[in-house]
Amino acid sequence: MSRTRRSFTAQFKADLVIELLKGEKDLNTLATENCIQPNLLRNWKKEFLSNASAAFDDTRMEKTNEKLQQERKEKEAYAKKVGQLTMQVDWLKKKSEEVLGPDYETKYSPKPFED
């Protein structure tokens, strides 16, 4: 019988690590109470402490804003491309109707592939 992989939210992990750092309960007790392996909690603590300096990083807002601006530019470029392609498809449909007739799609649609 296989076990399903559980996933934990960042908030849950942070709460457990903070509770562990308070020192009111030891690692094994917290792990047992929350039905997780002690090594998992130990890894979360290590990761939490190694990334703690990010909370005091002054440039993180600048990085976030730069990333947001870049994503907006990409989204704008994609929207422009979609608009351009939509206009081309509409133009091709109009020209196809003029040349081949209004029901050209039914006349010239590809036949289904048979084995």
PDB file of N, CA and C in Angstrom:
ATOM      1  N   MET A   1       0.851  -1.178   0.000  1.00  0.00           N
ATOM      2  CA  MET A   1       0.000   0.000   0.000  1.00  0.00           C
ATOM      3  C   MET A   1       0.897   1.242   0.000  1.00  0.00           C
ATOM      4  N   SER A   2       0.643   2.167  -0.892  1.00  0.00           N
ATOM      5  CA  SER A   2       1.473   3.363  -0.985  1.00  0.00           C
ATOM      6  C   SER A   2       0.859   4.507  -0.194  1.00  0.00           C
ATOM      7  N   ARG A   3       1.737   5.315   0.369  1.00  0.00           N
ATOM      8  CA  ARG A   3       1.286   6.496   1.102  1.00  0.00           C
ATOM      9  C   ARG A   3       1.222   7.677   0.152  1.00  0.00           C
ATOM     10  N   THR A   4       0.242   8.522   0.359  1.00  0.00           N
ATOM     11  CA  THR A   4       0.171   9.732  -0.456  1.00  0.00           C
ATOM     12  C   THR A   4       1.122  10.763   0.135  1.00  0.00           C
ATOM     13  N   ARG A   5       1.757  11.506  -0.722  1.00  0.00           N
ATOM     14  CA  ARG A   5       2.706  12.516  -0.286  1.00  0.00           C
ATOM     15  C   ARG A   5       1.954  13.717   0.259  1.00  0.00           C
ATOM     16  N   ARG A   6       2.310  14.100   1.460  1.00  0.00           N
ATOM     17  CA  ARG A   6       1.668  15.257   2.073  1.00  0.00           C
ATOM     18  C   ARG A   6       2.456  16.521   1.739  1.00  0.00           C
ATOM     19  N   SER A   7       1.755  17.616   1.670  1.00  0.00           N
ATOM     20  CA  SER A   7       2.425  18.900   1.475  1.00  0.00           C
ATOM     21  C   SER A   7       1.991  19.826   2.600  1.00  0.00           C
ATOM     22  N   PHE A   8       2.903  20.658   3.021  1.00  0.00           N
ATOM     23  CA  PHE A   8       2.655  21.552   4.143  1.00  0.00           C
ATOM     24  C   PHE A   8       2.790  22.992   3.669  1.00  0.00           C
ATOM     25  N   THR A   9       1.958  23.855   4.202  1.00  0.00           N
ATOM     26  CA  THR A   9       2.013  25.261   3.826  1.00  0.00           C
ATOM     27  C   THR A   9       3.227  25.920   4.467  1.00  0.00           C
ATOM     28  N   ALA A  10       3.640  27.008   3.866  1.00  0.00           N
ATOM     29  CA  ALA A  10       4.770  27.763   4.410  1.00  0.00           C
ATOM     30  C   ALA A  10       4.439  28.277   5.808  1.00  0.00           C
ATOM     31  N   GLN A  11       3.186  28.668   6.017  1.00  0.00           N
ATOM     32  CA  GLN A  11       2.776  29.175   7.332  1.00  0.00           C
ATOM     33  C   GLN A  11       2.885  28.083   8.395  1.00  0.00           C
ATOM     34  N   PHE A  12       2.465  26.872   8.055  1.00  0.00           N
ATOM     35  CA  PHE A  12       2.553  25.748   8.986  1.00  0.00           C
ATOM     36  C   PHE A  12       4.010  25.473   9.351  1.00  0.00           C
ATOM     37  N   LYS A  13       4.878  25.460   8.351  1.00  0.00           N
ATOM     38  CA  LYS A  13       6.295  25.218   8.601  1.00  0.00           C
ATOM     39  C   LYS A  13       6.883  26.312   9.489  1.00  0.00           C
ATOM     40  N   ALA A  14       6.573  27.560   9.172  1.00  0.00           N
ATOM     41  CA  ALA A  14       7.112  28.674   9.956  1.00  0.00           C
ATOM     42  C   ALA A  14       6.617  28.618  11.394  1.00  0.00           C
ATOM     43  N   ASP A  15       5.353  28.316  11.585  1.00  0.00           N
ATOM     44  CA  ASP A  15       4.801  28.231  12.941  1.00  0.00           C
ATOM     45  C   ASP A  15       5.512  27.157  13.761  1.00  0.00           C
ATOM     46  N   LEU A  16       5.745  26.004  13.164  1.00  0.00           N
ATOM     47  CA  LEU A  16       6.428  24.935  13.884  1.00  0.00           C
ATOM     48  C   LEU A  16       7.864  25.314  14.216  1.00  0.00           C
ATOM     49  N   VAL A  17       8.564  25.919  13.273  1.00  0.00           N
ATOM     50  CA  VAL A  17       9.956  26.307  13.507  1.00  0.00           C
ATOM     51  C   VAL A  17      10.025  27.372  14.598  1.00  0.00           C
ATOM     52  N   ILE A  18       9.129  28.332  14.572  1.00  0.00           N
ATOM     53  CA  ILE A  18       9.124  29.372  15.600  1.00  0.00           C
ATOM     54  C   ILE A  18       8.835  28.759  16.968  1.00  0.00           C
ATOM     55  N   GLU A  19       7.904  27.840  17.005  1.00  0.00           N
ATOM     56  CA  GLU A  19       7.598  27.157  18.263  1.00  0.00           C
ATOM     57  C   GLU A  19       8.820  26.374  18.750  1.00  0.00           C
ATOM     58  N   LEU A  20       9.549  25.774  17.836  1.00  0.00           N
ATOM     59  CA  LEU A  20      10.760  25.043  18.189  1.00  0.00           C
ATOM     60  C   LEU A  20      11.830  25.993  18.717  1.00  0.00           C
ATOM     61  N   LEU A  21      11.972  27.152  18.073  1.00  0.00           N
ATOM     62  CA  LEU A  21      12.980  28.123  18.496  1.00  0.00           C
ATOM     63  C   LEU A  21      12.664  28.750  19.851  1.00  0.00           C
ATOM     64  N   LYS A  22      11.390  28.809  20.205  1.00  0.00           N
ATOM     65  CA  LYS A  22      11.016  29.333  21.522  1.00  0.00           C
ATOM     66  C   LYS A  22      11.571  28.449  22.635  1.00  0.00           C
ATOM     67  N   GLY A  23      11.715  27.176  22.338  1.00  0.00           N
ATOM     68  CA  GLY A  23      12.315  26.266  23.297  1.00  0.00           C
ATOM     69  C   GLY A  23      11.361  25.680  24.312  1.00  0.00           C
ATOM     70  N   GLU A  24      10.079  25.918  24.161  1.00  0.00           N
ATOM     71  CA  GLU A  24       9.107  25.379  25.107  1.00  0.00           C
ATOM     72  C   GLU A  24       8.937  23.873  24.948  1.00  0.00           C
ATOM     73  N   LYS A  25       9.111  23.390  23.710  1.00  0.00           N
ATOM     74  CA  LYS A  25       9.004  21.963  23.421  1.00  0.00           C
ATOM     75  C   LYS A  25      10.236  21.553  22.620  1.00  0.00           C
ATOM     76  N   ASP A  26      10.668  20.327  22.815  1.00  0.00           N
ATOM     77  CA  ASP A  26      11.822  19.878  22.050  1.00  0.00           C
ATOM     78  C   ASP A  26      11.390  19.376  20.674  1.00  0.00           C
ATOM     79  N   LEU A  27      12.374  19.122  19.838  1.00  0.00           N
ATOM     80  CA  LEU A  27      12.134  18.756  18.441  1.00  0.00           C
ATOM     81  C   LEU A  27      11.302  17.484  18.323  1.00  0.00           C
ATOM     82  N   ASN A  28      11.642  16.455  19.079  1.00  0.00           N
ATOM     83  CA  ASN A  28      10.918  15.190  18.976  1.00  0.00           C
ATOM     84  C   ASN A  28       9.459  15.328  19.409  1.00  0.00           C
ATOM     85  N   THR A  29       9.194  16.112  20.433  1.00  0.00           N
ATOM     86  CA  THR A  29       7.826  16.312  20.904  1.00  0.00           C
ATOM     87  C   THR A  29       6.985  17.014  19.847  1.00  0.00           C
ATOM     88  N   LEU A  30       7.533  18.081  19.277  1.00  0.00           N
ATOM     89  CA  LEU A  30       6.812  18.817  18.229  1.00  0.00           C
ATOM     90  C   LEU A  30       6.554  17.922  17.014  1.00  0.00           C
ATOM     91  N   ALA A  31       7.546  17.156  16.625  1.00  0.00           N
ATOM     92  CA  ALA A  31       7.396  16.275  15.465  1.00  0.00           C
ATOM     93  C   ALA A  31       6.307  15.236  15.725  1.00  0.00           C
ATOM     94  N   THR A  32       6.304  14.645  16.914  1.00  0.00           N
ATOM     95  CA  THR A  32       5.300  13.629  17.248  1.00  0.00           C
ATOM     96  C   THR A  32       3.899  14.228  17.299  1.00  0.00           C
ATOM     97  N   GLU A  33       3.766  15.398  17.905  1.00  0.00           N
ATOM     98  CA  GLU A  33       2.458  16.051  18.011  1.00  0.00           C
ATOM     99  C   GLU A  33       1.869  16.380  16.646  1.00  0.00           C
ATOM    100  N   ASN A  34       2.726  16.650  15.678  1.00  0.00           N
ATOM    101  CA  ASN A  34       2.256  17.057  14.346  1.00  0.00           C
ATOM    102  C   ASN A  34       2.390  15.951  13.308  1.00  0.00           C
ATOM    103  N   CYS A  35       2.709  14.747  13.751  1.00  0.00           N
ATOM    104  CA  CYS A  35       2.801  13.572  12.879  1.00  0.00           C
ATOM    105  C   CYS A  35       3.761  13.774  11.711  1.00  0.00           C
ATOM    106  N   ILE A  36       4.933  14.317  12.012  1.00  0.00           N
ATOM    107  CA  ILE A  36       5.972  14.470  10.992  1.00  0.00           C
ATOM    108  C   ILE A  36       7.264  13.878  11.536  1.00  0.00           C
ATOM    109  N   GLN A  37       8.190  13.627  10.646  1.00  0.00           N
ATOM    110  CA  GLN A  37       9.484  13.078  11.041  1.00  0.00           C
ATOM    111  C   GLN A  37      10.356  14.180  11.654  1.00  0.00           C
ATOM    112  N   PRO A  38      11.122  13.865  12.698  1.00  0.00           N
ATOM    113  CA  PRO A  38      12.008  14.867  13.300  1.00  0.00           C
ATOM    114  C   PRO A  38      13.011  15.452  12.303  1.00  0.00           C
ATOM    115  N   ASN A  39      13.494  14.627  11.367  1.00  0.00           N
ATOM    116  CA  ASN A  39      14.440  15.144  10.366  1.00  0.00           C
ATOM    117  C   ASN A  39      13.810  16.213   9.482  1.00  0.00           C
ATOM    118  N   LEU A  40      12.544  16.050   9.189  1.00  0.00           N
ATOM    119  CA  LEU A  40      11.842  17.038   8.377  1.00  0.00           C
ATOM    120  C   LEU A  40      11.791  18.378   9.109  1.00  0.00           C
ATOM    121  N   LEU A  41      11.443  18.329  10.375  1.00  0.00           N
ATOM    122  CA  LEU A  41      11.392  19.556  11.181  1.00  0.00           C
ATOM    123  C   LEU A  41      12.786  20.159  11.312  1.00  0.00           C
ATOM    124  N   ARG A  42      13.795  19.330  11.456  1.00  0.00           N
ATOM    125  CA  ARG A  42      15.185  19.801  11.544  1.00  0.00           C
ATOM    126  C   ARG A  42      15.576  20.512  10.243  1.00  0.00           C
ATOM    127  N   ASN A  43      15.182  19.958   9.117  1.00  0.00           N
ATOM    128  CA  ASN A  43      15.477  20.587   7.818  1.00  0.00           C
ATOM    129  C   ASN A  43      14.765  21.923   7.671  1.00  0.00           C
ATOM    130  N   TRP A  44      13.511  21.981   8.124  1.00  0.00           N
ATOM    131  CA  TRP A  44      12.765  23.242   8.057  1.00  0.00           C
ATOM    132  C   TRP A  44      13.448  24.309   8.908  1.00  0.00           C
ATOM    133  N   LYS A  45      13.922  23.932  10.068  1.00  0.00           N
ATOM    134  CA  LYS A  45      14.604  24.876  10.963  1.00  0.00           C
ATOM    135  C   LYS A  45      15.869  25.393  10.292  1.00  0.00           C
ATOM    136  N   LYS A  46      16.637  24.488   9.695  1.00  0.00           N
ATOM    137  CA  LYS A  46      17.880  24.877   9.015  1.00  0.00           C
ATOM    138  C   LYS A  46      17.590  25.848   7.879  1.00  0.00           C
ATOM    139  N   GLU A  47      16.573  25.543   7.080  1.00  0.00           N
ATOM    140  CA  GLU A  47      16.206  26.418   5.966  1.00  0.00           C
ATOM    141  C   GLU A  47      15.711  27.776   6.465  1.00  0.00           C
ATOM    142  N   PHE A  48      14.920  27.755   7.522  1.00  0.00           N
ATOM    143  CA  PHE A  48      14.387  28.977   8.119  1.00  0.00           C
ATOM    144  C   PHE A  48      15.519  29.890   8.572  1.00  0.00           C
ATOM    145  N   LEU A  49      16.484  29.328   9.274  1.00  0.00           N
ATOM    146  CA  LEU A  49      17.588  30.127   9.794  1.00  0.00           C
ATOM    147  C   LEU A  49      18.513  30.615   8.685  1.00  0.00           C
ATOM    148  N   SER A  50      18.699  29.813   7.645  1.00  0.00           N
ATOM    149  CA  SER A  50      19.577  30.244   6.554  1.00  0.00           C
ATOM    150  C   SER A  50      18.948  31.361   5.721  1.00  0.00           C
ATOM    151  N   ASN A  51      17.616  31.442   5.714  1.00  0.00           N
ATOM    152  CA  ASN A  51      16.939  32.492   4.939  1.00  0.00           C
ATOM    153  C   ASN A  51      16.448  33.645   5.801  1.00  0.00           C
ATOM    154  N   ALA A  52      16.796  33.664   7.061  1.00  0.00           N
ATOM    155  CA  ALA A  52      16.310  34.702   7.968  1.00  0.00           C
ATOM    156  C   ALA A  52      16.798  36.092   7.571  1.00  0.00           C
ATOM    157  N   SER A  53      17.970  36.179   6.969  1.00  0.00           N
ATOM    158  CA  SER A  53      18.508  37.490   6.595  1.00  0.00           C
ATOM    159  C   SER A  53      17.655  38.171   5.533  1.00  0.00           C
ATOM    160  N   ALA A  54      16.865  37.414   4.797  1.00  0.00           N
ATOM    161  CA  ALA A  54      16.005  38.002   3.759  1.00  0.00           C
ATOM    162  C   ALA A  54      14.954  38.930   4.358  1.00  0.00           C
ATOM    163  N   ALA A  55      14.600  38.706   5.623  1.00  0.00           N
ATOM    164  CA  ALA A  55      13.607  39.562   6.277  1.00  0.00           C
ATOM    165  C   ALA A  55      14.125  40.977   6.450  1.00  0.00           C
ATOM    166  N   PHE A  56      15.441  41.138   6.487  1.00  0.00           N
ATOM    167  CA  PHE A  56      16.032  42.463   6.697  1.00  0.00           C
ATOM    168  C   PHE A  56      16.707  43.011   5.453  1.00  0.00           C
ATOM    169  N   ASP A  57      16.473  42.377   4.320  1.00  0.00           N
ATOM    170  CA  ASP A  57      17.077  42.782   3.057  1.00  0.00           C
ATOM    171  C   ASP A  57      16.340  43.986   2.502  1.00  0.00           C
ATOM    172  N   ASP A  58      17.051  45.105   2.381  1.00  0.00           N
ATOM    173  CA  ASP A  58      16.427  46.332   1.880  1.00  0.00           C
ATOM    174  C   ASP A  58      16.151  46.286   0.380  1.00  0.00           C
ATOM    175  N   THR A  59      16.872  45.460  -0.338  1.00  0.00           N
ATOM    176  CA  THR A  59      16.716  45.435  -1.785  1.00  0.00           C
ATOM    177  C   THR A  59      15.619  44.487  -2.251  1.00  0.00           C
ATOM    178  N   ARG A  60      14.997  43.759  -1.342  1.00  0.00           N
ATOM    179  CA  ARG A  60      14.000  42.771  -1.770  1.00  0.00           C
ATOM    180  C   ARG A  60      12.788  43.433  -2.434  1.00  0.00           C
ATOM    181  N   MET A  61      12.378  44.617  -1.960  1.00  0.00           N
ATOM    182  CA  MET A  61      11.254  45.317  -2.596  1.00  0.00           C
ATOM    183  C   MET A  61      11.643  45.788  -3.992  1.00  0.00           C
ATOM    184  N   GLU A  62      12.885  46.250  -4.127  1.00  0.00           N
ATOM    185  CA  GLU A  62      13.343  46.686  -5.445  1.00  0.00           C
ATOM    186  C   GLU A  62      13.352  45.503  -6.421  1.00  0.00           C
ATOM    187  N   LYS A  63      13.834  44.364  -5.954  1.00  0.00           N
ATOM    188  CA  LYS A  63      13.871  43.171  -6.793  1.00  0.00           C
ATOM    189  C   LYS A  63      12.456  42.737  -7.171  1.00  0.00           C
ATOM    190  N   THR A  64      11.547  42.814  -6.214  1.00  0.00           N
ATOM    191  CA  THR A  64      10.164  42.434  -6.472  1.00  0.00           C
ATOM    192  C   THR A  64       9.535  43.376  -7.491  1.00  0.00           C
ATOM    193  N   ASN A  65       9.779  44.662  -7.339  1.00  0.00           N
ATOM    194  CA  ASN A  65       9.226  45.642  -8.282  1.00  0.00           C
ATOM    195  C   ASN A  65       9.813  45.462  -9.679  1.00  0.00           C
ATOM    196  N   GLU A  66      11.117  45.189  -9.757  1.00  0.00           N
ATOM    197  CA  GLU A  66      11.739  44.961 -11.063  1.00  0.00           C
ATOM    198  C   GLU A  66      11.137  43.728 -11.742  1.00  0.00           C
ATOM    199  N   LYS A  67      10.950  42.688 -10.966  1.00  0.00           N
ATOM    200  CA  LYS A  67      10.372  41.466 -11.509  1.00  0.00           C
ATOM    201  C   LYS A  67       8.940  41.709 -11.978  1.00  0.00           C
ATOM    202  N   LEU A  68       8.176  42.460 -11.195  1.00  0.00           N
ATOM    203  CA  LEU A  68       6.802  42.782 -11.558  1.00  0.00           C
ATOM    204  C   LEU A  68       6.757  43.598 -12.847  1.00  0.00           C
ATOM    205  N   GLN A  69       7.637  44.573 -12.984  1.00  0.00           N
ATOM    206  CA  GLN A  69       7.687  45.375 -14.205  1.00  0.00           C
ATOM    207  C   GLN A  69       8.047  44.519 -15.415  1.00  0.00           C
ATOM    208  N   GLN A  70       8.997  43.603 -15.229  1.00  0.00           N
ATOM    209  CA  GLN A  70       9.390  42.717 -16.329  1.00  0.00           C
ATOM    210  C   GLN A  70       8.221  41.838 -16.758  1.00  0.00           C
ATOM    211  N   GLU A  71       7.486  41.295 -15.781  1.00  0.00           N
ATOM    212  CA  GLU A  71       6.332  40.447 -16.096  1.00  0.00           C
ATOM    213  C   GLU A  71       5.241  41.237 -16.797  1.00  0.00           C
ATOM    214  N   ARG A  72       5.052  42.489 -16.413  1.00  0.00           N
ATOM    215  CA  ARG A  72       4.053  43.340 -17.083  1.00  0.00           C
ATOM    216  C   ARG A  72       4.446  43.596 -18.536  1.00  0.00           C
ATOM    217  N   LYS A  73       5.734  43.827 -18.768  1.00  0.00           N
ATOM    218  CA  LYS A  73       6.206  44.050 -20.143  1.00  0.00           C
ATOM    219  C   LYS A  73       5.982  42.801 -20.985  1.00  0.00           C
ATOM    220  N   GLU A  74       6.292  41.634 -20.418  1.00  0.00           N
ATOM    221  CA  GLU A  74       6.080  40.387 -21.150  1.00  0.00           C
ATOM    222  C   GLU A  74       4.598  40.177 -21.454  1.00  0.00           C
ATOM    223  N   LYS A  75       3.746  40.450 -20.470  1.00  0.00           N
ATOM    224  CA  LYS A  75       2.307  40.293 -20.667  1.00  0.00           C
ATOM    225  C   LYS A  75       1.808  41.233 -21.757  1.00  0.00           C
ATOM    226  N   GLU A  76       2.305  42.444 -21.755  1.00  0.00           N
ATOM    227  CA  GLU A  76       1.917  43.429 -22.774  1.00  0.00           C
ATOM    228  C   GLU A  76       2.359  42.960 -24.162  1.00  0.00           C
ATOM    229  N   ALA A  77       3.562  42.415 -24.256  1.00  0.00           N
ATOM    230  CA  ALA A  77       4.065  41.925 -25.537  1.00  0.00           C
ATOM    231  C   ALA A  77       3.219  40.746 -26.034  1.00  0.00           C
ATOM    232  N   TYR A  78       2.851  39.846 -25.110  1.00  0.00           N
ATOM    233  CA  TYR A  78       2.001  38.715 -25.492  1.00  0.00           C
ATOM    234  C   TYR A  78       0.628  39.194 -25.950  1.00  0.00           C
ATOM    235  N   ALA A  79       0.059  40.157 -25.261  1.00  0.00           N
ATOM    236  CA  ALA A  79      -1.254  40.680 -25.643  1.00  0.00           C
ATOM    237  C   ALA A  79      -1.189  41.325 -27.031  1.00  0.00           C
ATOM    238  N   LYS A  80      -0.095  42.034 -27.289  1.00  0.00           N
ATOM    239  CA  LYS A  80       0.079  42.664 -28.596  1.00  0.00           C
ATOM    240  C   LYS A  80       0.181  41.601 -29.694  1.00  0.00           C
ATOM    241  N   LYS A  81       0.923  40.549 -29.423  1.00  0.00           N
ATOM    242  CA  LYS A  81       1.092  39.472 -30.401  1.00  0.00           C
ATOM    243  C   LYS A  81      -0.234  38.751 -30.658  1.00  0.00           C
ATOM    244  N   VAL A  82      -1.001  38.507 -29.597  1.00  0.00           N
ATOM    245  CA  VAL A  82      -2.305  37.855 -29.749  1.00  0.00           C
ATOM    246  C   VAL A  82      -3.229  38.734 -30.598  1.00  0.00           C
ATOM    247  N   GLY A  83      -3.218  40.019 -30.351  1.00  0.00           N
ATOM    248  CA  GLY A  83      -4.029  40.932 -31.155  1.00  0.00           C
ATOM    249  C   GLY A  83      -3.638  40.905 -32.622  1.00  0.00           C
ATOM    250  N   GLN A  84      -2.327  40.905 -32.858  1.00  0.00           N
ATOM    251  CA  GLN A  84      -1.833  40.869 -34.241  1.00  0.00           C
ATOM    252  C   GLN A  84      -2.255  39.572 -34.927  1.00  0.00           C
ATOM    253  N   LEU A  85      -2.089  38.445 -34.250  1.00  0.00           N
ATOM    254  CA  LEU A  85      -2.450  37.166 -34.848  1.00  0.00           C
ATOM    255  C   LEU A  85      -3.958  37.055 -35.065  1.00  0.00           C
ATOM    256  N   THR A  86      -4.745  37.607 -34.164  1.00  0.00           N
ATOM    257  CA  THR A  86      -6.197  37.606 -34.325  1.00  0.00           C
ATOM    258  C   THR A  86      -6.598  38.384 -35.569  1.00  0.00           C
ATOM    259  N   MET A  87      -5.963  39.536 -35.772  1.00  0.00           N
ATOM    260  CA  MET A  87      -6.263  40.330 -36.966  1.00  0.00           C
ATOM    261  C   MET A  87      -5.888  39.559 -38.232  1.00  0.00           C
ATOM    262  N   GLN A  88      -4.763  38.851 -38.209  1.00  0.00           N
ATOM    263  CA  GLN A  88      -4.348  38.084 -39.373  1.00  0.00           C
ATOM    264  C   GLN A  88      -5.329  36.950 -39.672  1.00  0.00           C
ATOM    265  N   VAL A  89      -5.782  36.267 -38.653  1.00  0.00           N
ATOM    266  CA  VAL A  89      -6.736  35.176 -38.851  1.00  0.00           C
ATOM    267  C   VAL A  89      -8.041  35.726 -39.417  1.00  0.00           C
ATOM    268  N   ASP A  90      -8.528  36.830 -38.868  1.00  0.00           N
ATOM    269  CA  ASP A  90      -9.757  37.435 -39.374  1.00  0.00           C
ATOM    270  C   ASP A  90      -9.609  37.837 -40.845  1.00  0.00           C
ATOM    271  N   TRP A  91      -8.460  38.430 -41.195  1.00  0.00           N
ATOM    272  CA  TRP A  91      -8.218  38.837 -42.577  1.00  0.00           C
ATOM    273  C   TRP A  91      -8.195  37.621 -43.500  1.00  0.00           C
ATOM    274  N   LEU A  92      -7.525  36.533 -43.046  1.00  0.00           N
ATOM    275  CA  LEU A  92      -7.454  35.318 -43.862  1.00  0.00           C
ATOM    276  C   LEU A  92      -8.832  34.687 -44.052  1.00  0.00           C
ATOM    277  N   LYS A  93      -9.649  34.709 -43.022  1.00  0.00           N
ATOM    278  CA  LYS A  93     -11.009  34.167 -43.149  1.00  0.00           C
ATOM    279  C   LYS A  93     -11.810  34.973 -44.168  1.00  0.00           C
ATOM    280  N   LYS A  94     -11.676  36.302 -44.086  1.00  0.00           N
ATOM    281  CA  LYS A  94     -12.413  37.174 -45.005  1.00  0.00           C
ATOM    282  C   LYS A  94     -11.975  36.914 -46.453  1.00  0.00           C
ATOM    283  N   LYS A  95     -10.685  36.826 -46.681  1.00  0.00           N
ATOM    284  CA  LYS A  95     -10.171  36.590 -48.026  1.00  0.00           C
ATOM    285  C   LYS A  95     -10.561  35.194 -48.514  1.00  0.00           C
ATOM    286  N   SER A  96     -10.560  34.214 -47.626  1.00  0.00           N
ATOM    287  CA  SER A  96     -10.953  32.855 -48.010  1.00  0.00           C
ATOM    288  C   SER A  96     -12.406  32.818 -48.447  1.00  0.00           C
ATOM    289  N   GLU A  97     -13.270  33.555 -47.755  1.00  0.00           N
ATOM    290  CA  GLU A  97     -14.684  33.616 -48.139  1.00  0.00           C
ATOM    291  C   GLU A  97     -14.840  34.280 -49.505  1.00  0.00           C
ATOM    292  N   GLU A  98     -14.034  35.333 -49.763  1.00  0.00           N
ATOM    293  CA  GLU A  98     -14.127  36.028 -51.044  1.00  0.00           C
ATOM    294  C   GLU A  98     -13.688  35.119 -52.195  1.00  0.00           C
ATOM    295  N   VAL A  99     -12.640  34.358 -51.990  1.00  0.00           N
ATOM    296  CA  VAL A  99     -12.073  33.548 -53.061  1.00  0.00           C
ATOM    297  C   VAL A  99     -12.799  32.216 -53.211  1.00  0.00           C
ATOM    298  N   LEU A 100     -13.076  31.554 -52.091  1.00  0.00           N
ATOM    299  CA  LEU A 100     -13.596  30.194 -52.136  1.00  0.00           C
ATOM    300  C   LEU A 100     -15.094  30.084 -51.878  1.00  0.00           C
ATOM    301  N   GLY A 101     -15.719  31.146 -51.446  1.00  0.00           N
ATOM    302  CA  GLY A 101     -17.147  31.120 -51.162  1.00  0.00           C
ATOM    303  C   GLY A 101     -17.419  31.061 -49.661  1.00  0.00           C
ATOM    304  N   PRO A 102     -18.662  31.389 -49.277  1.00  0.00           N
ATOM    305  CA  PRO A 102     -18.975  31.488 -47.850  1.00  0.00           C
ATOM    306  C   PRO A 102     -18.918  30.163 -47.091  1.00  0.00           C
ATOM    307  N   ASP A 103     -19.086  29.041 -47.766  1.00  0.00           N
ATOM    308  CA  ASP A 103     -19.065  27.754 -47.056  1.00  0.00           C
ATOM    309  C   ASP A 103     -17.779  26.981 -47.347  1.00  0.00           C
ATOM    310  N   TYR A 104     -16.690  27.719 -47.509  1.00  0.00           N
ATOM    311  CA  TYR A 104     -15.418  27.096 -47.856  1.00  0.00           C
ATOM    312  C   TYR A 104     -14.930  26.127 -46.784  1.00  0.00           C
ATOM    313  N   GLU A 105     -15.256  26.367 -45.522  1.00  0.00           N
ATOM    314  CA  GLU A 105     -14.762  25.515 -44.431  1.00  0.00           C
ATOM    315  C   GLU A 105     -15.306  24.095 -44.553  1.00  0.00           C
ATOM    316  N   THR A 106     -16.575  23.963 -44.969  1.00  0.00           N
ATOM    317  CA  THR A 106     -17.141  22.619 -45.099  1.00  0.00           C
ATOM    318  C   THR A 106     -16.631  21.922 -46.360  1.00  0.00           C
ATOM    319  N   LYS A 107     -16.402  22.678 -47.419  1.00  0.00           N
ATOM    320  CA  LYS A 107     -15.925  22.087 -48.672  1.00  0.00           C
ATOM    321  C   LYS A 107     -14.474  21.619 -48.567  1.00  0.00           C
ATOM    322  N   TYR A 108     -13.647  22.432 -47.949  1.00  0.00           N
ATOM    323  CA  TYR A 108     -12.212  22.197 -47.971  1.00  0.00           C
ATOM    324  C   TYR A 108     -11.629  21.746 -46.644  1.00  0.00           C
ATOM    325  N   SER A 109     -12.470  21.339 -45.714  1.00  0.00           N
ATOM    326  CA  SER A 109     -11.931  20.860 -44.438  1.00  0.00           C
ATOM    327  C   SER A 109     -11.258  19.512 -44.657  1.00  0.00           C
ATOM    328  N   PRO A 110     -10.175  19.246 -43.955  1.00  0.00           N
ATOM    329  CA  PRO A 110      -9.458  17.981 -44.160  1.00  0.00           C
ATOM    330  C   PRO A 110     -10.301  16.803 -43.710  1.00  0.00           C
ATOM    331  N   LYS A 111     -10.141  15.710 -44.432  1.00  0.00           N
ATOM    332  CA  LYS A 111     -10.869  14.481 -44.096  1.00  0.00           C
ATOM    333  C   LYS A 111     -10.202  13.862 -42.874  1.00  0.00           C
ATOM    334  N   PRO A 112     -11.001  13.204 -42.016  1.00  0.00           N
ATOM    335  CA  PRO A 112     -10.390  12.562 -40.846  1.00  0.00           C
ATOM    336  C   PRO A 112      -9.482  11.426 -41.269  1.00  0.00           C
ATOM    337  N   PHE A 113      -8.412  11.256 -40.562  1.00  0.00           N
ATOM    338  CA  PHE A 113      -7.440  10.223 -40.852  1.00  0.00           C
ATOM    339  C   PHE A 113      -7.984   8.867 -40.403  1.00  0.00           C
ATOM    340  N   GLU A 114      -7.906   7.887 -41.282  1.00  0.00           N
ATOM    341  CA  GLU A 114      -8.387   6.547 -40.945  1.00  0.00           C
ATOM    342  C   GLU A 114      -7.221   5.577 -41.007  1.00  0.00           C
ATOM    343  N   ASP A 115      -7.206   4.622 -40.107  1.00  0.00           N
ATOM    344  CA  ASP A 115      -6.145   3.601 -40.074  1.00  0.00           C
ATOM    345  C   ASP A 115      -6.375   2.547 -41.103  1.00  0.00           C
TER     346      ASP A 115
END
